[in-house]
Amino acid sequence: MPDERSHSSFWKHGAALAAVAVLATACGGGGGEGDGGEGGDAPEDAVTQEPLAGEGILGMDCWEGAVNAYRFSDQDGSLLAQHSYNPSGATATEEPRQGVGRAPEGEFTVALPSCDINYEDGQDGSDSWWPLSRNQAHELAGLLIPETSQLLVTLDEQAGSAQITTIGAMSSDGTVEALLPAEEGSGFSDTLGRFSPRYSHGDGLVYYLEKTPESDEGTVKSLDPSSGDVQEVGSCTDCDRIILDPYSGRVYATNFLPVDSPEYEGSWERSVTGGREYVRHFSNREGTLVGHFYVETGTGWLWTRAGGSGAGAVSTELPTNELRPPDGWVKKIEHYEDDPESVLGARRPAFMVGEHELLLEGDNLTVVGFDPQTLELNPEPVRDLIQGGNRTNTTPILSSDGTKVLFRSTAGDGSSGWYSVPVDGGAEPTEIGAIGPEHSEVFPVRW
């Protein structure tokens, strides 16, 4: 499916984008949710009209070039809303939903963000599997604006002879609106691109990256989609995308550098990190502890540093090829697969659940802790949120108030459901509702 990292106008790495060109003067936009029309008496027709905003579980999946968003009840797991975003029928909006929205200029293309969270093969055709950190479920919460049931996208507009890259929002009826004012381009020099938009559920702002295509320097900015107010958040170096931690609001600016990038050929950095796209990012809610986790087939390299105002609002330091950590960073090497003394074991960091506590993937949802002074990972786990059993527990996300963890649990017979458990580990998991086979690929992004 279209992948924002491959956008031809600004990405330095990746394949050509399979985007869809449309005319800004086109009208209409098709019917609801990919079936070419609205109406009908079936229950699924009714839920397509409901907004994504509201109480419940926000989820996503991807099918055949489209991104699908869902809202499930957090009381019984029933489907409350469903919206599908497919660029094949995209048209320019006539009635923007955002206060600053406008119709795209001239002919334009739409690039959907990637929401694939499946695992990929390891480097060099090995049998190992690598988690795509850019696609951790909680990182994808910033792709949707639930209040208007829109998906954030990247647009290329044609301004005279110049191609202008900007950010936009797509509705499930196929209409697209740009979120920044139209730019002028001469066609003789590179113009600033605006891309990688992420919505913050905490402050209601859209964060994005601004840079020229070939520049190493970029600027992270925020946009108030109601008023149009734009603020500079911070600068970054060697950055092609941003990740927004939905719990702390911490912004990470990084690049993709896939494992087969020529820049890694024969390098020590490739053997350690497996490519920048596999780096996991996390932060506590206060933003006072920031971390990166580099995935290797048998080793995880964990880096942490103190956050806070002195460290800046944008985390750009990625200590990849340094045998010794840069100033302010603490390095911890974890042989997590074959070392019985490993703190992480075969588990990987998911997100922070306390000021110095980190939740790990795995059936027991283990919590580990950092030393508040040294930021080193303590050798003994703090607690397991799930004490035992023979179920497979995946895709954990933190509740918006930080008190519970939502996850998918699958029994031996293949049946699965939504469950929640307190962060303090003081109770058994509570079943919310079953997950039907038609939603077997849906993963939660916000609760």
Protein backbone atom coordinates (compact mmCIF):
# COMPACT_ATOMS: atom_id res chain seq x y z
CA MET A 1 0.00 0.00 0.00
CA PRO A 2 1.14 3.62 -0.32
CA ASP A 3 3.82 4.42 2.22
CA GLU A 4 4.63 7.94 3.33
CA ARG A 5 8.34 7.18 3.53
CA SER A 6 8.50 6.57 -0.23
CA HIS A 7 7.07 9.90 -1.35
CA SER A 8 9.03 10.92 -4.46
CA SER A 9 9.13 14.64 -3.73
CA PHE A 10 10.97 14.51 -0.41
CA TRP A 11 12.08 11.08 0.76
CA LYS A 12 15.76 10.32 0.29
CA HIS A 13 15.24 6.58 0.67
CA GLY A 14 12.66 4.07 -0.50
CA ALA A 15 10.85 3.02 -3.63
CA ALA A 16 8.52 5.09 -5.78
CA LEU A 17 5.12 5.85 -4.27
CA ALA A 18 1.98 4.34 -5.72
CA ALA A 19 -0.14 7.46 -5.24
CA VAL A 20 -3.35 8.47 -6.97
CA ALA A 21 -3.61 11.65 -9.05
CA VAL A 22 -6.89 13.58 -9.01
CA LEU A 23 -8.12 17.01 -10.11
CA ALA A 24 -8.89 19.66 -7.52
CA THR A 25 -11.90 20.73 -9.58
CA ALA A 26 -13.49 17.28 -9.36
CA CYS A 27 -16.69 17.03 -7.41
CA GLY A 28 -18.50 14.31 -5.55
CA GLY A 29 -16.50 11.75 -3.65
CA GLY A 30 -18.33 8.48 -3.80
CA GLY A 31 -20.46 6.76 -1.25
CA GLY A 32 -19.73 5.44 2.17
CA GLU A 33 -16.99 3.02 3.10
CA GLY A 34 -15.92 1.60 -0.23
CA ASP A 35 -19.30 0.25 -1.35
CA GLY A 36 -20.05 3.17 -3.68
CA GLY A 37 -23.03 4.54 -1.79
CA GLU A 38 -24.79 5.26 1.45
CA GLY A 39 -27.95 3.94 2.99
CA GLY A 40 -29.14 0.41 3.47
CA ASP A 41 -30.63 -1.35 6.43
CA ALA A 42 -27.69 -3.55 7.38
CA PRO A 43 -26.05 -2.83 10.75
CA GLU A 44 -22.69 -2.21 9.09
CA ASP A 45 -24.26 0.61 7.07
CA ALA A 46 -25.42 2.30 10.25
CA VAL A 47 -22.02 2.27 11.98
CA THR A 48 -20.34 3.91 8.98
CA GLN A 49 -22.28 7.06 9.77
CA GLU A 50 -21.11 7.25 13.38
CA PRO A 51 -18.06 9.40 14.29
CA LEU A 52 -14.76 7.94 15.42
CA ALA A 53 -14.73 10.31 18.37
CA GLY A 54 -16.38 9.11 21.55
CA GLU A 55 -16.01 6.58 24.31
CA GLY A 56 -14.50 3.25 23.31
CA ILE A 57 -11.53 1.61 21.63
CA LEU A 58 -10.05 3.22 18.52
CA GLY A 59 -8.56 0.64 16.14
CA MET A 60 -7.07 0.35 12.65
CA ASP A 61 -6.20 -2.13 9.94
CA CYS A 62 -5.07 -2.01 6.31
CA TRP A 63 -6.55 -3.86 3.36
CA GLU A 64 -5.80 -3.63 -0.36
CA GLY A 65 -4.48 -0.09 -0.40
CA ALA A 66 -6.97 1.34 2.10
CA VAL A 67 -6.69 2.30 5.75
CA ASN A 68 -9.68 1.34 7.90
CA ALA A 69 -10.53 2.86 11.26
CA TYR A 70 -12.94 1.50 13.88
CA ARG A 71 -14.45 2.43 17.22
CA PHE A 72 -15.46 -0.46 19.45
CA SER A 73 -17.42 -0.33 22.69
CA ASP A 74 -15.21 -0.65 25.77
CA GLN A 75 -18.21 -2.14 27.56
CA ASP A 76 -18.91 -5.18 25.37
CA GLY A 77 -16.55 -4.92 22.37
CA SER A 78 -19.31 -4.28 19.82
CA LEU A 79 -18.58 -2.22 16.71
CA LEU A 80 -19.77 1.38 17.05
CA ALA A 81 -18.19 3.11 14.04
CA GLN A 82 -16.23 2.20 10.93
CA HIS A 83 -14.56 4.42 8.33
CA SER A 84 -12.46 3.47 5.32
CA TYR A 85 -9.96 5.68 3.49
CA ASN A 86 -9.11 4.74 -0.08
CA PRO A 87 -7.17 7.12 -2.36
CA SER A 88 -8.51 5.52 -5.55
CA GLY A 89 -11.65 7.67 -5.37
CA ALA A 90 -10.17 10.78 -3.78
CA THR A 91 -11.57 14.19 -4.76
CA ALA A 92 -10.98 17.75 -3.60
CA THR A 93 -13.21 18.89 -0.78
CA GLU A 94 -15.96 21.43 -1.32
CA GLU A 95 -16.76 21.79 2.39
CA PRO A 96 -13.64 21.49 4.57
CA ARG A 97 -14.14 19.98 8.02
CA GLN A 98 -11.20 21.80 9.58
CA GLY A 99 -11.22 25.54 10.20
CA VAL A 100 -8.09 25.96 8.07
CA GLY A 101 -9.03 23.35 5.47
CA ARG A 102 -9.00 24.23 1.76
CA ALA A 103 -9.30 22.39 -1.53
CA PRO A 104 -5.92 21.19 -2.87
CA GLU A 105 -4.43 23.22 -5.73
CA GLY A 106 -4.69 21.91 -9.31
CA GLU A 107 -3.82 18.27 -9.88
CA PHE A 108 -2.71 16.54 -6.71
CA THR A 109 -1.67 13.15 -5.37
CA VAL A 110 -2.57 11.56 -2.04
CA ALA A 111 -0.12 9.47 -0.02
CA LEU A 112 -1.67 7.41 2.75
CA PRO A 113 0.42 6.66 5.83
CA SER A 114 1.50 3.08 6.37
CA CYS A 115 -0.34 1.25 9.15
CA ASP A 116 1.08 -2.25 8.65
CA ILE A 117 2.20 -3.74 11.97
CA ASN A 118 3.13 -7.17 10.64
CA TYR A 119 6.63 -8.49 11.13
CA GLU A 120 9.08 -8.65 8.24
CA ASP A 121 11.91 -11.01 7.37
CA GLY A 122 15.34 -10.23 8.75
CA GLN A 123 18.27 -8.97 6.76
CA ASP A 124 20.07 -11.08 4.15
CA GLY A 125 17.12 -13.46 3.82
CA SER A 126 17.57 -14.90 7.30
CA ASP A 127 14.77 -16.57 9.18
CA SER A 128 14.69 -13.99 11.95
CA TRP A 129 11.81 -11.57 12.33
CA TRP A 130 12.02 -7.85 12.97
CA PRO A 131 9.28 -5.76 14.56
CA LEU A 132 8.49 -2.60 12.62
CA SER A 133 8.87 -0.02 15.36
CA ARG A 134 7.44 2.79 13.27
CA ASN A 135 4.22 0.77 13.35
CA GLN A 136 3.82 0.09 17.03
CA ALA A 137 0.13 0.40 17.72
CA HIS A 138 0.45 3.35 20.08
CA GLU A 139 2.56 5.29 17.57
CA LEU A 140 -0.26 5.06 15.04
CA ALA A 141 -2.74 6.88 17.28
CA GLY A 142 -1.54 10.11 15.67
CA LEU A 143 -2.73 9.16 12.18
CA LEU A 144 -6.39 9.87 12.89
CA ILE A 145 -8.35 12.97 13.91
CA PRO A 146 -11.33 11.31 15.65
CA GLU A 147 -13.29 14.53 16.14
CA THR A 148 -13.77 14.86 12.39
CA SER A 149 -13.27 11.17 11.51
CA GLN A 150 -10.37 12.04 9.21
CA LEU A 151 -7.08 10.37 8.30
CA LEU A 152 -3.95 12.52 8.03
CA VAL A 153 -2.29 12.25 4.62
CA THR A 154 0.49 13.85 2.60
CA LEU A 155 -0.38 15.73 -0.60
CA ASP A 156 1.54 16.82 -3.67
CA GLU A 157 -0.01 19.87 -5.32
CA GLN A 158 0.92 21.32 -8.68
CA ALA A 159 1.62 25.05 -8.36
CA GLY A 160 2.53 26.23 -11.85
CA SER A 161 5.52 24.14 -12.90
CA ALA A 162 6.46 23.28 -9.32
CA GLN A 163 5.40 20.36 -7.19
CA ILE A 164 4.50 21.39 -3.64
CA THR A 165 4.35 18.87 -0.82
CA THR A 166 1.99 19.63 2.04
CA ILE A 167 -0.16 17.93 4.68
CA GLY A 168 -3.85 17.19 4.46
CA ALA A 169 -6.78 15.27 5.88
CA MET A 170 -8.95 12.70 4.11
CA SER A 171 -12.56 11.85 4.95
CA SER A 172 -14.09 8.44 4.42
CA ASP A 173 -16.34 9.84 1.66
CA GLY A 174 -13.16 10.30 -0.38
CA THR A 175 -12.83 14.07 -0.05
CA VAL A 176 -9.42 15.56 0.72
CA GLU A 177 -8.49 18.94 2.17
CA ALA A 178 -5.12 20.64 2.60
CA LEU A 179 -4.37 21.95 6.08
CA LEU A 180 -1.79 24.65 5.27
CA PRO A 181 -2.00 27.68 2.97
CA ALA A 182 -1.14 27.18 -0.69
CA GLU A 183 2.53 27.74 -1.52
CA GLU A 184 4.13 29.30 -4.57
CA GLY A 185 6.86 27.45 -6.45
CA SER A 186 9.14 28.66 -9.24
CA GLY A 187 10.11 25.22 -10.49
CA PHE A 188 13.79 26.28 -10.53
CA SER A 189 14.68 25.58 -6.91
CA ASP A 190 13.67 23.18 -4.19
CA THR A 191 10.66 24.27 -2.21
CA LEU A 192 9.98 23.49 1.41
CA GLY A 193 8.06 20.26 1.90
CA ARG A 194 5.61 19.70 4.75
CA PHE A 195 4.94 16.07 5.53
CA SER A 196 4.69 13.30 8.16
CA PRO A 197 1.64 14.81 9.95
CA ARG A 198 0.71 13.43 13.38
CA TYR A 199 -2.29 14.40 15.51
CA SER A 200 -1.87 14.90 19.26
CA HIS A 201 -4.91 13.76 21.25
CA GLY A 202 -3.56 15.68 24.23
CA ASP A 203 -3.51 19.21 22.81
CA GLY A 204 -5.49 18.83 19.56
CA LEU A 205 -2.58 20.02 17.40
CA VAL A 206 -1.17 18.50 14.22
CA TYR A 207 2.62 18.15 14.24
CA TYR A 208 4.58 17.89 11.00
CA LEU A 209 8.07 18.06 9.54
CA GLU A 210 9.22 20.91 7.27
CA LYS A 211 12.36 20.69 5.11
CA THR A 212 13.65 20.89 1.56
CA PRO A 213 14.06 17.53 -0.21
CA GLU A 214 17.84 17.28 -0.15
CA SER A 215 18.54 19.06 3.12
CA ASP A 216 19.72 17.27 6.25
CA GLU A 217 18.17 19.96 8.44
CA GLY A 218 14.48 20.09 9.24
CA THR A 219 12.03 21.86 11.50
CA VAL A 220 9.19 20.30 13.47
CA LYS A 221 6.12 22.53 13.63
CA SER A 222 2.67 22.37 15.14
CA LEU A 223 -0.59 23.47 13.54
CA ASP A 224 -3.87 24.31 15.21
CA PRO A 225 -6.31 22.93 12.60
CA SER A 226 -9.08 25.20 13.87
CA SER A 227 -7.32 28.57 13.96
CA GLY A 228 -4.41 27.98 11.59
CA ASP A 229 -1.85 29.01 14.20
CA VAL A 230 1.58 27.52 13.38
CA GLN A 231 4.34 27.28 15.97
CA GLU A 232 7.92 26.05 15.68
CA VAL A 233 8.54 23.13 18.03
CA GLY A 234 12.21 22.39 17.39
CA SER A 235 14.85 21.52 14.82
CA CYS A 236 16.23 18.18 13.72
CA THR A 237 19.14 16.78 11.70
CA ASP A 238 19.01 13.87 9.26
CA CYS A 239 15.25 13.55 9.72
CA ASP A 240 12.64 12.29 7.25
CA ARG A 241 9.67 11.66 9.53
CA ILE A 242 8.35 12.28 13.01
CA ILE A 243 6.86 10.00 15.63
CA LEU A 244 4.59 11.42 18.30
CA ASP A 245 4.36 9.59 21.60
CA PRO A 246 0.65 9.83 22.50
CA TYR A 247 1.25 9.57 26.24
CA SER A 248 3.93 12.20 26.80
CA GLY A 249 3.56 14.30 23.65
CA ARG A 250 7.29 13.79 23.04
CA VAL A 251 8.23 14.27 19.38
CA TYR A 252 10.88 12.03 17.82
CA ALA A 253 12.43 13.14 14.54
CA THR A 254 14.28 10.41 12.67
CA ASN A 255 14.68 8.80 9.26
CA PHE A 256 13.87 5.43 7.79
CA LEU A 257 17.18 4.07 6.50
CA PRO A 258 15.94 0.56 5.70
CA VAL A 259 18.23 -2.36 6.42
CA ASP A 260 19.21 -2.69 2.75
CA SER A 261 20.14 0.98 2.40
CA PRO A 262 23.50 1.55 0.61
CA GLU A 263 24.51 3.72 3.56
CA TYR A 264 24.68 0.58 5.69
CA GLU A 265 26.69 -1.51 3.25
CA GLY A 266 29.41 -3.25 5.25
CA SER A 267 28.91 -0.96 8.21
CA TRP A 268 28.94 -1.70 11.90
CA GLU A 269 25.76 0.32 12.25
CA ARG A 270 23.81 -2.10 10.06
CA SER A 271 24.82 -5.10 12.16
CA VAL A 272 23.70 -3.34 15.32
CA THR A 273 20.47 -1.61 14.39
CA GLY A 274 19.12 -3.44 11.37
CA GLY A 275 18.13 -0.05 9.98
CA ARG A 276 16.57 3.04 11.52
CA GLU A 277 13.05 1.87 10.70
CA TYR A 278 13.36 -0.79 13.39
CA VAL A 279 14.14 1.60 16.24
CA ARG A 280 11.55 1.79 19.00
CA HIS A 281 10.99 5.06 20.84
CA PHE A 282 9.47 5.62 24.25
CA SER A 283 9.10 8.31 26.90
CA ASN A 284 7.43 8.68 30.26
CA ARG A 285 4.35 10.88 30.51
CA GLU A 286 6.31 13.75 32.04
CA GLY A 287 8.88 13.65 29.23
CA THR A 288 11.71 13.42 31.78
CA LEU A 289 13.02 10.07 30.50
CA VAL A 290 13.47 9.45 26.79
CA GLY A 291 14.58 6.19 25.23
CA HIS A 292 15.38 4.35 22.01
CA PHE A 293 15.60 0.61 21.52
CA TYR A 294 17.53 -0.77 18.55
CA VAL A 295 16.48 -4.25 17.50
CA GLU A 296 19.01 -6.86 16.43
CA THR A 297 18.36 -10.55 15.82
CA GLY A 298 19.81 -11.60 19.17
CA THR A 299 20.64 -8.31 20.82
CA GLY A 300 18.72 -5.22 21.84
CA TRP A 301 20.60 -1.96 22.34
CA LEU A 302 18.76 0.22 24.81
CA TRP A 303 19.62 3.92 25.12
CA THR A 304 18.11 6.35 27.62
CA ARG A 305 18.67 9.93 28.66
CA ALA A 306 17.08 12.47 30.93
CA GLY A 307 14.46 14.56 29.18
CA GLY A 308 12.94 17.79 30.41
CA SER A 309 13.14 21.32 29.09
CA GLY A 310 16.92 21.26 28.83
CA ALA A 311 16.80 18.43 26.31
CA GLY A 312 14.46 20.20 23.92
CA ALA A 313 10.97 19.32 22.75
CA VAL A 314 12.22 17.21 19.83
CA SER A 315 14.34 14.12 20.40
CA THR A 316 16.73 13.80 17.46
CA GLU A 317 19.83 12.17 18.93
CA LEU A 318 20.09 8.62 17.60
CA PRO A 319 23.33 7.09 18.93
CA THR A 320 23.70 4.37 16.32
CA ASN A 321 27.36 3.97 15.42
CA GLU A 322 28.85 5.17 18.68
CA LEU A 323 30.65 2.57 20.77
CA ARG A 324 30.36 5.04 23.60
CA PRO A 325 27.14 6.98 24.16
CA PRO A 326 27.06 10.70 23.37
CA ASP A 327 26.88 13.15 26.25
CA GLY A 328 23.76 12.65 28.31
CA TRP A 329 22.99 9.13 27.06
CA VAL A 330 23.18 5.84 28.93
CA LYS A 331 23.75 2.67 26.91
CA LYS A 332 22.59 -0.77 28.00
CA ILE A 333 23.24 -3.82 25.81
CA GLU A 334 20.66 -6.56 26.25
CA HIS A 335 21.24 -10.09 24.88
CA TYR A 336 17.57 -10.73 25.14
CA GLU A 337 17.00 -14.02 23.32
CA ASP A 338 19.59 -16.51 24.52
CA ASP A 339 20.84 -14.97 27.74
CA PRO A 340 18.95 -16.26 30.81
CA GLU A 341 20.30 -13.32 32.82
CA SER A 342 18.89 -10.78 30.40
CA VAL A 343 16.54 -8.17 31.81
CA LEU A 344 14.45 -8.06 28.67
CA GLY A 345 14.51 -11.72 27.71
CA ALA A 346 12.79 -12.17 24.33
CA ARG A 347 10.57 -9.18 25.02
CA ARG A 348 10.79 -5.70 23.55
CA PRO A 349 9.85 -2.33 25.03
CA ALA A 350 6.31 -1.15 24.31
CA PHE A 351 5.76 2.09 26.28
CA MET A 352 6.33 3.72 29.66
CA VAL A 353 3.75 3.07 32.38
CA GLY A 354 5.39 5.15 35.11
CA GLU A 355 8.08 7.76 35.61
CA HIS A 356 10.77 5.06 35.54
CA GLU A 357 8.79 1.97 34.51
CA LEU A 358 8.65 0.37 31.07
CA LEU A 359 6.13 -2.20 29.81
CA LEU A 360 7.50 -5.04 27.68
CA GLU A 361 5.75 -7.04 25.00
CA GLY A 362 4.95 -10.62 25.92
CA ASP A 363 2.20 -12.79 27.32
CA ASN A 364 2.82 -11.67 30.91
CA LEU A 365 3.05 -7.93 30.12
CA THR A 366 6.14 -7.55 32.29
CA VAL A 367 7.09 -4.18 33.76
CA VAL A 368 10.78 -3.35 34.25
CA GLY A 369 12.29 -0.33 35.96
CA PHE A 370 15.09 2.18 35.45
CA ASP A 371 17.34 3.47 38.17
CA PRO A 372 16.21 7.10 38.71
CA GLN A 373 19.79 8.33 39.08
CA THR A 374 21.76 6.33 36.50
CA LEU A 375 18.88 5.51 34.09
CA GLU A 376 20.25 1.97 33.87
CA LEU A 377 17.69 -0.83 33.57
CA ASN A 378 17.35 -2.73 36.85
CA PRO A 379 18.13 -6.47 36.61
CA GLU A 380 14.90 -7.69 38.21
CA PRO A 381 11.42 -7.14 36.74
CA VAL A 382 9.16 -4.95 38.86
CA ARG A 383 6.01 -7.01 38.25
CA ASP A 384 3.97 -8.99 35.74
CA LEU A 385 0.55 -7.60 34.94
CA ILE A 386 -0.54 -11.12 33.99
CA GLN A 387 0.65 -13.85 36.34
CA GLY A 388 0.24 -16.94 34.17
CA GLY A 389 -2.05 -18.88 31.87
CA ASN A 390 -1.69 -20.24 28.36
CA ARG A 391 -3.13 -17.38 26.32
CA THR A 392 -1.30 -15.24 23.77
CA ASN A 393 -1.45 -11.55 24.68
CA THR A 394 -0.51 -8.92 22.10
CA THR A 395 -0.89 -5.27 20.95
CA PRO A 396 -0.95 -3.59 24.39
CA ILE A 397 -1.84 0.11 24.62
CA LEU A 398 -2.12 2.40 27.63
CA SER A 399 -5.44 3.97 28.61
CA SER A 400 -5.66 7.72 28.21
CA ASP A 401 -5.56 8.20 31.99
CA GLY A 402 -2.55 5.90 32.34
CA THR A 403 -4.17 3.51 34.83
CA LYS A 404 -4.90 0.45 32.64
CA VAL A 405 -3.49 -1.52 29.74
CA LEU A 406 -5.73 -2.72 26.92
CA PHE A 407 -4.64 -5.78 24.94
CA ARG A 408 -5.81 -8.53 22.63
CA SER A 409 -5.84 -12.01 24.17
CA THR A 410 -6.12 -15.18 22.09
CA ALA A 411 -6.98 -18.62 23.45
CA GLY A 412 -5.65 -21.93 22.20
CA ASP A 413 -8.72 -22.48 20.02
CA GLY A 414 -8.02 -19.23 18.14
CA SER A 415 -10.82 -17.16 19.69
CA SER A 416 -9.76 -13.71 20.85
CA GLY A 417 -11.11 -10.73 22.71
CA TRP A 418 -10.32 -7.34 24.19
CA TYR A 419 -9.09 -7.37 27.78
CA SER A 420 -7.84 -4.77 30.24
CA VAL A 421 -5.63 -4.99 33.31
CA PRO A 422 -4.55 -2.36 35.88
CA VAL A 423 -1.06 -0.92 35.43
CA ASP A 424 -0.27 -1.61 39.09
CA GLY A 425 -0.92 -5.33 38.55
CA GLY A 426 -3.37 -5.48 41.41
CA ALA A 427 -6.14 -7.42 39.66
CA GLU A 428 -6.91 -10.12 37.13
CA PRO A 429 -7.54 -9.05 33.52
CA THR A 430 -11.12 -8.03 32.76
CA GLU A 431 -12.76 -9.22 29.55
CA ILE A 432 -14.33 -6.41 27.53
CA GLY A 433 -15.72 -8.36 24.60
CA ALA A 434 -15.00 -10.85 21.85
CA ILE A 435 -13.18 -9.99 18.63
CA GLY A 436 -14.92 -11.51 15.62
CA PRO A 437 -13.00 -13.09 12.71
CA GLU A 438 -13.90 -10.13 10.50
CA HIS A 439 -11.77 -7.96 12.79
CA SER A 440 -8.90 -10.40 13.23
CA GLU A 441 -6.37 -7.92 11.77
CA VAL A 442 -7.57 -4.87 13.73
CA PHE A 443 -5.14 -3.49 16.28
CA PRO A 444 -5.98 -0.89 18.94
CA VAL A 445 -4.34 2.54 18.81
CA ARG A 446 -6.14 4.52 21.52
CA TRP A 447 -8.40 3.86 24.46
